[in-house]
PDB file of all heavy atoms in Angstrom:
ATOM      1  N   THR A   1       0.838  -1.195   0.000  1.00  0.00           N
ATOM      2  CA  THR A   1       0.000   0.000   0.000  1.00  0.00           C
ATOM      3  C   THR A   1       0.870   1.240   0.000  1.00  0.00           C
ATOM      4  O   THR A   1       2.056   1.190   0.335  1.00  0.00           O
ATOM      5  CB  THR A   1      -0.935   0.049   1.228  1.00  0.00           C
ATOM      6  OG1 THR A   1      -0.132   0.020   2.418  1.00  0.00           O
ATOM      7  CG2 THR A   1      -1.899  -1.113   1.250  1.00  0.00           C
ATOM      8  N   TYR A   2       0.250   2.348  -0.359  1.00  0.00           N
ATOM      9  CA  TYR A   2       0.970   3.618  -0.386  1.00  0.00           C
ATOM     10  C   TYR A   2      -0.025   4.729  -0.104  1.00  0.00           C
ATOM     11  O   TYR A   2      -1.147   4.689  -0.604  1.00  0.00           O
ATOM     12  CB  TYR A   2       1.629   3.825  -1.754  1.00  0.00           C
ATOM     13  CG  TYR A   2       2.527   5.030  -1.822  1.00  0.00           C
ATOM     14  CD1 TYR A   2       3.743   5.043  -1.135  1.00  0.00           C
ATOM     15  CD2 TYR A   2       2.173   6.151  -2.562  1.00  0.00           C
ATOM     16  CE1 TYR A   2       4.565   6.152  -1.194  1.00  0.00           C
ATOM     17  CE2 TYR A   2       2.991   7.257  -2.614  1.00  0.00           C
ATOM     18  CZ  TYR A   2       4.183   7.254  -1.930  1.00  0.00           C
ATOM     19  OH  TYR A   2       5.006   8.340  -1.976  1.00  0.00           O
ATOM     20  N   TYR A   3       0.396   5.697   0.719  1.00  0.00           N
ATOM     21  CA  TYR A   3      -0.516   6.760   1.136  1.00  0.00           C
ATOM     22  C   TYR A   3       0.084   8.144   0.896  1.00  0.00           C
ATOM     23  O   TYR A   3       1.300   8.336   0.980  1.00  0.00           O
ATOM     24  CB  TYR A   3      -0.814   6.638   2.636  1.00  0.00           C
ATOM     25  CG  TYR A   3      -1.559   5.405   3.033  1.00  0.00           C
ATOM     26  CD1 TYR A   3      -0.886   4.247   3.409  1.00  0.00           C
ATOM     27  CD2 TYR A   3      -2.949   5.381   3.042  1.00  0.00           C
ATOM     28  CE1 TYR A   3      -1.567   3.100   3.784  1.00  0.00           C
ATOM     29  CE2 TYR A   3      -3.645   4.245   3.417  1.00  0.00           C
ATOM     30  CZ  TYR A   3      -2.948   3.114   3.789  1.00  0.00           C
ATOM     31  OH  TYR A   3      -3.644   1.989   4.160  1.00  0.00           O
ATOM     32  N   ALA A   4      -0.798   9.094   0.661  1.00  0.00           N
ATOM     33  CA  ALA A   4      -0.380  10.486   0.661  1.00  0.00           C
ATOM     34  C   ALA A   4      -0.050  10.880   2.101  1.00  0.00           C
ATOM     35  O   ALA A   4      -0.672  10.389   3.047  1.00  0.00           O
ATOM     36  CB  ALA A   4      -1.497  11.371   0.116  1.00  0.00           C
ATOM     37  N   ASP A   5       0.907  11.763   2.260  1.00  0.00           N
ATOM     38  CA  ASP A   5       1.303  12.182   3.608  1.00  0.00           C
ATOM     39  C   ASP A   5       0.127  12.786   4.381  1.00  0.00           C
ATOM     40  O   ASP A   5       0.040  12.647   5.597  1.00  0.00           O
ATOM     41  CB  ASP A   5       2.435  13.201   3.520  1.00  0.00           C
ATOM     42  CG  ASP A   5       3.745  12.572   3.099  1.00  0.00           C
ATOM     43  OD1 ASP A   5       3.882  11.335   3.196  1.00  0.00           O
ATOM     44  OD2 ASP A   5       4.645  13.317   2.670  1.00  0.00           O
ATOM     45  N   SER A   6      -0.757  13.428   3.680  1.00  0.00           N
ATOM     46  CA  SER A   6      -1.865  14.127   4.335  1.00  0.00           C
ATOM     47  C   SER A   6      -2.864  13.180   5.008  1.00  0.00           C
ATOM     48  O   SER A   6      -3.640  13.607   5.870  1.00  0.00           O
ATOM     49  CB  SER A   6      -2.602  15.008   3.322  1.00  0.00           C
ATOM     50  OG  SER A   6      -3.112  14.219   2.256  1.00  0.00           O
ATOM     51  N   VAL A   7      -2.866  11.908   4.619  1.00  0.00           N
ATOM     52  CA  VAL A   7      -3.838  10.962   5.187  1.00  0.00           C
ATOM     53  C   VAL A   7      -3.164   9.823   5.944  1.00  0.00           C
ATOM     54  O   VAL A   7      -3.853   9.014   6.583  1.00  0.00           O
ATOM     55  CB  VAL A   7      -4.757  10.375   4.101  1.00  0.00           C
ATOM     56  CG1 VAL A   7      -5.436  11.499   3.312  1.00  0.00           C
ATOM     57  CG2 VAL A   7      -4.009   9.431   3.164  1.00  0.00           C
ATOM     58  N   LYS A   8      -1.852   9.767   5.891  1.00  0.00           N
ATOM     59  CA  LYS A   8      -1.124   8.668   6.530  1.00  0.00           C
ATOM     60  C   LYS A   8      -1.421   8.649   8.027  1.00  0.00           C
ATOM     61  O   LYS A   8      -1.383   9.671   8.700  1.00  0.00           O
ATOM     62  CB  LYS A   8       0.368   8.848   6.277  1.00  0.00           C
ATOM     63  CG  LYS A   8       1.195   7.600   6.433  1.00  0.00           C
ATOM     64  CD  LYS A   8       2.630   7.854   5.977  1.00  0.00           C
ATOM     65  CE  LYS A   8       2.725   8.149   4.505  1.00  0.00           C
ATOM     66  NZ  LYS A   8       4.118   8.341   4.047  1.00  0.00           N
ATOM     67  N   GLY A   9      -1.757   7.465   8.534  1.00  0.00           N
ATOM     68  CA  GLY A   9      -2.081   7.322   9.946  1.00  0.00           C
ATOM     69  C   GLY A   9      -3.551   7.526  10.271  1.00  0.00           C
ATOM     70  O   GLY A   9      -4.007   7.192  11.364  1.00  0.00           O
ATOM     71  N   ARG A  10      -4.303   8.083   9.321  1.00  0.00           N
ATOM     72  CA  ARG A  10      -5.738   8.312   9.537  1.00  0.00           C
ATOM     73  C   ARG A  10      -6.597   7.443   8.612  1.00  0.00           C
ATOM     74  O   ARG A  10      -7.669   6.989   9.009  1.00  0.00           O
ATOM     75  CB  ARG A  10      -6.088   9.785   9.293  1.00  0.00           C
ATOM     76  CG  ARG A  10      -5.394  10.760  10.216  1.00  0.00           C
ATOM     77  CD  ARG A  10      -5.941  12.172  10.037  1.00  0.00           C
ATOM     78  NE  ARG A  10      -5.724  12.692   8.693  1.00  0.00           N
ATOM     79  CZ  ARG A  10      -6.698  13.122   7.898  1.00  0.00           C
ATOM     80  NH1 ARG A  10      -7.957  13.090   8.296  1.00  0.00           N
ATOM     81  NH2 ARG A  10      -6.407  13.590   6.688  1.00  0.00           N
ATOM     82  N   PHE A  11      -6.123   7.229   7.400  1.00  0.00           N
ATOM     83  CA  PHE A  11      -6.867   6.449   6.409  1.00  0.00           C
ATOM     84  C   PHE A  11      -6.197   5.089   6.227  1.00  0.00           C
ATOM     85  O   PHE A  11      -4.969   4.968   6.303  1.00  0.00           O
ATOM     86  CB  PHE A  11      -6.888   7.157   5.061  1.00  0.00           C
ATOM     87  CG  PHE A  11      -7.706   8.426   5.002  1.00  0.00           C
ATOM     88  CD1 PHE A  11      -8.232   9.006   6.154  1.00  0.00           C
ATOM     89  CD2 PHE A  11      -7.935   9.049   3.796  1.00  0.00           C
ATOM     90  CE1 PHE A  11      -8.971  10.177   6.097  1.00  0.00           C
ATOM     91  CE2 PHE A  11      -8.677  10.215   3.705  1.00  0.00           C
ATOM     92  CZ  PHE A  11      -9.190  10.778   4.870  1.00  0.00           C
ATOM     93  N   THR A  12      -7.028   4.083   5.940  1.00  0.00           N
ATOM     94  CA  THR A  12      -6.517   2.740   5.660  1.00  0.00           C
ATOM     95  C   THR A  12      -7.194   2.193   4.414  1.00  0.00           C
ATOM     96  O   THR A  12      -8.426   2.145   4.340  1.00  0.00           O
ATOM     97  CB  THR A  12      -6.791   1.789   6.831  1.00  0.00           C
ATOM     98  OG1 THR A  12      -6.180   2.309   8.016  1.00  0.00           O
ATOM     99  CG2 THR A  12      -6.213   0.411   6.543  1.00  0.00           C
ATOM    100  N   ILE A  13      -6.376   1.799   3.462  1.00  0.00           N
ATOM    101  CA  ILE A  13      -6.893   1.203   2.235  1.00  0.00           C
ATOM    102  C   ILE A  13      -6.827  -0.307   2.354  1.00  0.00           C
ATOM    103  O   ILE A  13      -5.881  -0.854   2.929  1.00  0.00           O
ATOM    104  CB  ILE A  13      -6.104   1.710   1.005  1.00  0.00           C
ATOM    105  CG1 ILE A  13      -6.793   1.304  -0.299  1.00  0.00           C
ATOM    106  CG2 ILE A  13      -4.655   1.239   1.040  1.00  0.00           C
ATOM    107  CD1 ILE A  13      -6.185   1.979  -1.533  1.00  0.00           C
ATOM    108  N   SER A  14      -7.825  -0.976   1.826  1.00  0.00           N
ATOM    109  CA  SER A  14      -7.855  -2.435   1.870  1.00  0.00           C
ATOM    110  C   SER A  14      -8.671  -2.946   0.688  1.00  0.00           C
ATOM    111  O   SER A  14      -9.278  -2.154  -0.044  1.00  0.00           O
ATOM    112  CB  SER A  14      -8.465  -2.929   3.186  1.00  0.00           C
ATOM    113  OG  SER A  14      -9.814  -2.503   3.293  1.00  0.00           O
ATOM    114  N   ARG A  15      -8.667  -4.252   0.505  1.00  0.00           N
ATOM    115  CA  ARG A  15      -9.445  -4.836  -0.579  1.00  0.00           C
ATOM    116  C   ARG A  15      -9.872  -6.243  -0.229  1.00  0.00           C
ATOM    117  O   ARG A  15      -9.198  -6.922   0.550  1.00  0.00           O
ATOM    118  CB  ARG A  15      -8.639  -4.823  -1.883  1.00  0.00           C
ATOM    119  CG  ARG A  15      -7.437  -5.730  -1.905  1.00  0.00           C
ATOM    120  CD  ARG A  15      -6.539  -5.455  -3.116  1.00  0.00           C
ATOM    121  NE  ARG A  15      -7.231  -5.669  -4.371  1.00  0.00           N
ATOM    122  CZ  ARG A  15      -6.770  -5.235  -5.550  1.00  0.00           C
ATOM    123  NH1 ARG A  15      -5.638  -4.554  -5.601  1.00  0.00           N
ATOM    124  NH2 ARG A  15      -7.436  -5.477  -6.656  1.00  0.00           N
ATOM    125  N   ASP A  16     -10.977  -6.643  -0.821  1.00  0.00           N
ATOM    126  CA  ASP A  16     -11.474  -8.014  -0.708  1.00  0.00           C
ATOM    127  C   ASP A  16     -11.495  -8.553  -2.127  1.00  0.00           C
ATOM    128  O   ASP A  16     -12.408  -8.251  -2.904  1.00  0.00           O
ATOM    129  CB  ASP A  16     -12.872  -8.021  -0.092  1.00  0.00           C
ATOM    130  CG  ASP A  16     -13.415  -9.420   0.129  1.00  0.00           C
ATOM    131  OD1 ASP A  16     -12.972 -10.357  -0.587  1.00  0.00           O
ATOM    132  OD2 ASP A  16     -14.274  -9.592   0.985  1.00  0.00           O
ATOM    133  N   ASN A  17     -10.473  -9.303  -2.475  1.00  0.00           N
ATOM    134  CA  ASN A  17     -10.331  -9.759  -3.857  1.00  0.00           C
ATOM    135  C   ASN A  17     -11.462 -10.702  -4.274  1.00  0.00           C
ATOM    136  O   ASN A  17     -11.842 -10.744  -5.448  1.00  0.00           O
ATOM    137  CB  ASN A  17      -8.983 -10.433  -4.056  1.00  0.00           C
ATOM    138  CG  ASN A  17      -7.833  -9.434  -3.982  1.00  0.00           C
ATOM    139  OD1 ASN A  17      -8.032  -8.237  -4.190  1.00  0.00           O
ATOM    140  ND2 ASN A  17      -6.642  -9.916  -3.672  1.00  0.00           N
ATOM    141  N   ALA A  18     -12.008 -11.431  -3.322  1.00  0.00           N
ATOM    142  CA  ALA A  18     -13.112 -12.337  -3.642  1.00  0.00           C
ATOM    143  C   ALA A  18     -14.361 -11.567  -4.060  1.00  0.00           C
ATOM    144  O   ALA A  18     -15.184 -12.065  -4.827  1.00  0.00           O
ATOM    145  CB  ALA A  18     -13.422 -13.227  -2.442  1.00  0.00           C
ATOM    146  N   LYS A  19     -14.488 -10.347  -3.549  1.00  0.00           N
ATOM    147  CA  LYS A  19     -15.648  -9.514  -3.869  1.00  0.00           C
ATOM    148  C   LYS A  19     -15.325  -8.431  -4.893  1.00  0.00           C
ATOM    149  O   LYS A  19     -16.187  -7.623  -5.233  1.00  0.00           O
ATOM    150  CB  LYS A  19     -16.190  -8.849  -2.597  1.00  0.00           C
ATOM    151  CG  LYS A  19     -16.708  -9.825  -1.557  1.00  0.00           C
ATOM    152  CD  LYS A  19     -17.241  -9.084  -0.345  1.00  0.00           C
ATOM    153  CE  LYS A  19     -17.798 -10.054   0.686  1.00  0.00           C
ATOM    154  NZ  LYS A  19     -18.315  -9.339   1.898  1.00  0.00           N
ATOM    155  N   ASN A  20     -14.086  -8.392  -5.373  1.00  0.00           N
ATOM    156  CA  ASN A  20     -13.665  -7.346  -6.301  1.00  0.00           C
ATOM    157  C   ASN A  20     -14.006  -5.963  -5.761  1.00  0.00           C
ATOM    158  O   ASN A  20     -14.489  -5.085  -6.488  1.00  0.00           O
ATOM    159  CB  ASN A  20     -14.315  -7.538  -7.676  1.00  0.00           C
ATOM    160  CG  ASN A  20     -13.548  -8.507  -8.554  1.00  0.00           C
ATOM    161  OD1 ASN A  20     -12.445  -8.934  -8.217  1.00  0.00           O
ATOM    162  ND2 ASN A  20     -14.133  -8.872  -9.673  1.00  0.00           N
ATOM    163  N   THR A  21     -13.743  -5.767  -4.493  1.00  0.00           N
ATOM    164  CA  THR A  21     -14.102  -4.510  -3.841  1.00  0.00           C
ATOM    165  C   THR A  21     -12.914  -3.960  -3.072  1.00  0.00           C
ATOM    166  O   THR A  21     -12.199  -4.696  -2.396  1.00  0.00           O
ATOM    167  CB  THR A  21     -15.290  -4.714  -2.887  1.00  0.00           C
ATOM    168  OG1 THR A  21     -16.410  -5.211  -3.634  1.00  0.00           O
ATOM    169  CG2 THR A  21     -15.686  -3.406  -2.230  1.00  0.00           C
ATOM    170  N   MET A  22     -12.739  -2.657  -3.189  1.00  0.00           N
ATOM    171  CA  MET A  22     -11.695  -1.939  -2.460  1.00  0.00           C
ATOM    172  C   MET A  22     -12.369  -1.017  -1.461  1.00  0.00           C
ATOM    173  O   MET A  22     -13.490  -0.546  -1.699  1.00  0.00           O
ATOM    174  CB  MET A  22     -10.846  -1.117  -3.438  1.00  0.00           C
ATOM    175  CG  MET A  22      -9.814  -0.235  -2.789  1.00  0.00           C
ATOM    176  SD  MET A  22      -8.835   0.694  -3.997  1.00  0.00           S
ATOM    177  CE  MET A  22     -10.051   1.776  -4.724  1.00  0.00           C
ATOM    178  N   TYR A  23     -11.690  -0.766  -0.351  1.00  0.00           N
ATOM    179  CA  TYR A  23     -12.248   0.061   0.706  1.00  0.00           C
ATOM    180  C   TYR A  23     -11.277   1.174   1.090  1.00  0.00           C
ATOM    181  O   TYR A  23     -10.063   1.046   0.913  1.00  0.00           O
ATOM    182  CB  TYR A  23     -12.554  -0.787   1.939  1.00  0.00           C
ATOM    183  CG  TYR A  23     -13.444  -1.961   1.671  1.00  0.00           C
ATOM    184  CD1 TYR A  23     -12.907  -3.228   1.457  1.00  0.00           C
ATOM    185  CD2 TYR A  23     -14.821  -1.810   1.609  1.00  0.00           C
ATOM    186  CE1 TYR A  23     -13.717  -4.320   1.201  1.00  0.00           C
ATOM    187  CE2 TYR A  23     -15.648  -2.895   1.345  1.00  0.00           C
ATOM    188  CZ  TYR A  23     -15.095  -4.140   1.144  1.00  0.00           C
ATOM    189  OH  TYR A  23     -15.910  -5.218   0.893  1.00  0.00           O
ATOM    190  N   LEU A  24     -11.836   2.229   1.661  1.00  0.00           N
ATOM    191  CA  LEU A  24     -11.025   3.273   2.273  1.00  0.00           C
ATOM    192  C   LEU A  24     -11.663   3.628   3.609  1.00  0.00           C
ATOM    193  O   LEU A  24     -12.723   4.250   3.643  1.00  0.00           O
ATOM    194  CB  LEU A  24     -10.926   4.507   1.382  1.00  0.00           C
ATOM    195  CG  LEU A  24      -9.989   5.599   1.901  1.00  0.00           C
ATOM    196  CD1 LEU A  24      -8.526   5.111   1.845  1.00  0.00           C
ATOM    197  CD2 LEU A  24     -10.134   6.885   1.101  1.00  0.00           C
ATOM    198  N   GLN A  25     -11.034   3.178   4.678  1.00  0.00           N
ATOM    199  CA  GLN A  25     -11.499   3.520   6.013  1.00  0.00           C
ATOM    200  C   GLN A  25     -10.884   4.849   6.386  1.00  0.00           C
ATOM    201  O   GLN A  25      -9.652   4.977   6.425  1.00  0.00           O
ATOM    202  CB  GLN A  25     -11.093   2.437   7.019  1.00  0.00           C
ATOM    203  CG  GLN A  25     -11.486   2.742   8.447  1.00  0.00           C
ATOM    204  CD  GLN A  25     -12.990   2.755   8.649  1.00  0.00           C
ATOM    205  OE1 GLN A  25     -13.694   1.885   8.159  1.00  0.00           O
ATOM    206  NE2 GLN A  25     -13.485   3.732   9.401  1.00  0.00           N
ATOM    207  N   MET A  26     -11.719   5.828   6.665  1.00  0.00           N
ATOM    208  CA  MET A  26     -11.255   7.175   6.962  1.00  0.00           C
ATOM    209  C   MET A  26     -11.625   7.517   8.401  1.00  0.00           C
ATOM    210  O   MET A  26     -12.804   7.616   8.732  1.00  0.00           O
ATOM    211  CB  MET A  26     -11.887   8.179   5.993  1.00  0.00           C
ATOM    212  CG  MET A  26     -11.656   7.838   4.531  1.00  0.00           C
ATOM    213  SD  MET A  26     -12.270   9.098   3.413  1.00  0.00           S
ATOM    214  CE  MET A  26     -14.019   8.983   3.709  1.00  0.00           C
ATOM    215  N   ASN A  27     -10.612   7.682   9.227  1.00  0.00           N
ATOM    216  CA  ASN A  27     -10.800   8.046  10.627  1.00  0.00           C
ATOM    217  C   ASN A  27     -10.201   9.424  10.880  1.00  0.00           C
ATOM    218  O   ASN A  27      -9.360   9.893  10.117  1.00  0.00           O
ATOM    219  CB  ASN A  27     -10.121   7.023  11.531  1.00  0.00           C
ATOM    220  CG  ASN A  27     -10.700   5.631  11.381  1.00  0.00           C
ATOM    221  OD1 ASN A  27     -11.883   5.450  11.108  1.00  0.00           O
ATOM    222  ND2 ASN A  27      -9.849   4.620  11.570  1.00  0.00           N
ATOM    223  N   GLY A  28     -10.631  10.045  11.959  1.00  0.00           N
ATOM    224  CA  GLY A  28     -10.085  11.348  12.290  1.00  0.00           C
ATOM    225  C   GLY A  28     -10.276  12.367  11.181  1.00  0.00           C
ATOM    226  O   GLY A  28      -9.375  13.156  10.889  1.00  0.00           O
ATOM    227  N   LEU A  29     -11.464  12.368  10.588  1.00  0.00           N
ATOM    228  CA  LEU A  29     -11.697  13.238   9.434  1.00  0.00           C
ATOM    229  C   LEU A  29     -11.609  14.707   9.804  1.00  0.00           C
ATOM    230  O   LEU A  29     -11.997  15.116  10.915  1.00  0.00           O
ATOM    231  CB  LEU A  29     -13.054  12.922   8.817  1.00  0.00           C
ATOM    232  CG  LEU A  29     -13.067  11.643   7.966  1.00  0.00           C
ATOM    233  CD1 LEU A  29     -14.483  11.139   7.747  1.00  0.00           C
ATOM    234  CD2 LEU A  29     -12.371  11.889   6.639  1.00  0.00           C
ATOM    235  N   LYS A  30     -11.091  15.483   8.875  1.00  0.00           N
ATOM    236  CA  LYS A  30     -10.910  16.923   9.036  1.00  0.00           C
ATOM    237  C   LYS A  30     -11.696  17.653   7.951  1.00  0.00           C
ATOM    238  O   LYS A  30     -11.942  17.088   6.884  1.00  0.00           O
ATOM    239  CB  LYS A  30      -9.427  17.272   8.910  1.00  0.00           C
ATOM    240  CG  LYS A  30      -8.516  16.514   9.843  1.00  0.00           C
ATOM    241  CD  LYS A  30      -7.062  16.840   9.555  1.00  0.00           C
ATOM    242  CE  LYS A  30      -6.119  16.071  10.452  1.00  0.00           C
ATOM    243  NZ  LYS A  30      -4.696  16.382  10.161  1.00  0.00           N
ATOM    244  N   PRO A  31     -12.061  18.901   8.184  1.00  0.00           N
ATOM    245  CA  PRO A  31     -12.774  19.659   7.145  1.00  0.00           C
ATOM    246  C   PRO A  31     -12.016  19.679   5.818  1.00  0.00           C
ATOM    247  O   PRO A  31     -12.648  19.678   4.756  1.00  0.00           O
ATOM    248  CB  PRO A  31     -12.882  21.045   7.756  1.00  0.00           C
ATOM    249  CG  PRO A  31     -12.936  20.801   9.225  1.00  0.00           C
ATOM    250  CD  PRO A  31     -12.001  19.655   9.447  1.00  0.00           C
ATOM    251  N   GLU A  32     -10.700  19.675   5.870  1.00  0.00           N
ATOM    252  CA  GLU A  32      -9.913  19.694   4.635  1.00  0.00           C
ATOM    253  C   GLU A  32      -9.956  18.371   3.882  1.00  0.00           C
ATOM    254  O   GLU A  32      -9.437  18.280   2.765  1.00  0.00           O
ATOM    255  CB  GLU A  32      -8.455  20.086   4.918  1.00  0.00           C
ATOM    256  CG  GLU A  32      -7.797  19.288   6.013  1.00  0.00           C
ATOM    257  CD  GLU A  32      -7.834  20.011   7.359  1.00  0.00           C
ATOM    258  OE1 GLU A  32      -8.895  20.570   7.708  1.00  0.00           O
ATOM    259  OE2 GLU A  32      -6.791  20.000   8.058  1.00  0.00           O
TER     260      GLU A  32
END
């Protein structure tokens, strides 16, 4: 995986290959 510095530590990317689905868990969201 690879993240932009602005989201590192707050966002997590993952995927379920069996479902052909990718996810983005976003925590600690900011107005920006």
